[in-house]
């Protein structure tokens, strides 16, 4: 995927994940954004070559929760 295409889909992926965090944790959108952007998951998501952006929103949320619980992320093979 080209950098322009990747840049075009990142806002949608981020918005979907922020909406799920907001809903499941019952926190404000602003707080969900702060938490997501500070995470290791988001750092990996920002890099096209990691292919993390290909995971579903549910999978991304599970990885986000895993990181919050353990401080680490174990990416599944897809």
Protein backbone atom coordinates (compact mmCIF):
# COMPACT_ATOMS: atom_id res chain seq x y z
CA UNK A 1 0.00 0.00 0.00
CA UNK A 2 1.27 3.45 -0.87
CA UNK A 3 1.87 6.10 1.76
CA UNK A 4 -0.98 8.24 0.41
CA UNK A 5 -3.46 5.36 0.65
CA UNK A 6 -2.25 4.53 4.15
CA UNK A 7 -2.60 8.16 5.24
CA UNK A 8 -6.13 8.15 3.86
CA UNK A 9 -7.32 5.12 5.88
CA UNK A 10 -5.60 5.90 9.20
CA UNK A 11 -8.19 8.47 10.34
CA UNK A 12 -10.99 5.94 9.81
CA UNK A 13 -9.16 3.18 11.66
CA UNK A 14 -8.33 5.54 14.53
CA UNK A 15 -11.87 6.92 14.74
CA UNK A 16 -13.40 3.44 14.86
CA UNK A 17 -11.00 2.34 17.59
CA UNK A 18 -11.53 5.52 19.61
CA UNK A 19 -15.30 5.01 19.38
CA UNK A 20 -14.93 1.45 20.67
CA UNK A 21 -12.67 2.54 23.54
CA UNK A 22 -15.13 5.30 24.46
CA UNK A 23 -18.05 2.89 24.41
CA UNK A 24 -16.49 -0.06 26.22
CA UNK A 25 -14.68 1.97 28.89
CA UNK A 26 -17.36 4.62 29.30
CA UNK A 27 -14.83 7.45 29.01
CA UNK A 28 -14.85 10.67 27.05
CA UNK A 29 -13.66 10.78 23.47
CA UNK A 30 -10.88 13.16 24.52
CA UNK A 31 -9.64 10.70 27.16
CA UNK A 32 -9.85 7.78 24.71
CA UNK A 33 -7.77 9.75 22.21
CA UNK A 34 -5.14 10.56 24.84
CA UNK A 35 -4.90 6.94 25.95
CA UNK A 36 -4.76 5.52 22.44
CA UNK A 37 -2.19 8.00 21.15
CA UNK A 38 0.06 7.26 24.16
CA UNK A 39 -0.04 3.50 23.56
CA UNK A 40 2.51 1.17 22.00
CA UNK A 41 -0.33 -0.15 19.85
CA UNK A 42 -0.85 3.24 18.23
CA UNK A 43 2.90 3.58 17.63
CA UNK A 44 2.77 0.27 15.74
CA UNK A 45 -0.47 1.22 13.98
CA UNK A 46 1.12 4.40 12.61
CA UNK A 47 3.74 2.38 10.77
CA UNK A 48 2.33 0.95 7.53
CA UNK A 49 4.99 -1.73 7.34
CA UNK A 50 3.82 -3.38 10.59
CA UNK A 51 0.51 -4.25 8.88
CA UNK A 52 -1.29 -3.75 12.22
CA UNK A 53 -3.76 -1.51 10.36
CA UNK A 54 -5.13 -4.67 8.68
CA UNK A 55 -6.58 -6.00 11.95
CA UNK A 56 -10.27 -5.53 12.67
CA UNK A 57 -11.39 -2.88 15.14
CA UNK A 58 -12.28 -5.66 17.59
CA UNK A 59 -8.80 -7.17 17.31
CA UNK A 60 -7.17 -3.76 17.73
CA UNK A 61 -9.27 -3.16 20.84
CA UNK A 62 -8.26 -6.56 22.26
CA UNK A 63 -4.60 -5.69 21.68
CA UNK A 64 -5.15 -2.29 23.29
CA UNK A 65 -6.69 -3.96 26.34
CA UNK A 66 -3.85 -6.49 26.47
CA UNK A 67 -1.33 -3.66 26.51
CA UNK A 68 -3.22 -1.89 29.31
CA UNK A 69 -3.30 -5.07 31.41
CA UNK A 70 0.22 -6.37 30.82
CA UNK A 71 2.24 -3.50 29.41
CA UNK A 72 3.08 -5.60 26.35
CA UNK A 73 1.46 -6.55 23.07
CA UNK A 74 1.64 -9.96 21.46
CA UNK A 75 0.55 -9.59 17.85
CA UNK A 76 -1.33 -12.59 16.45
CA UNK A 77 -0.34 -14.21 13.19
CA UNK A 78 -2.93 -13.53 10.53
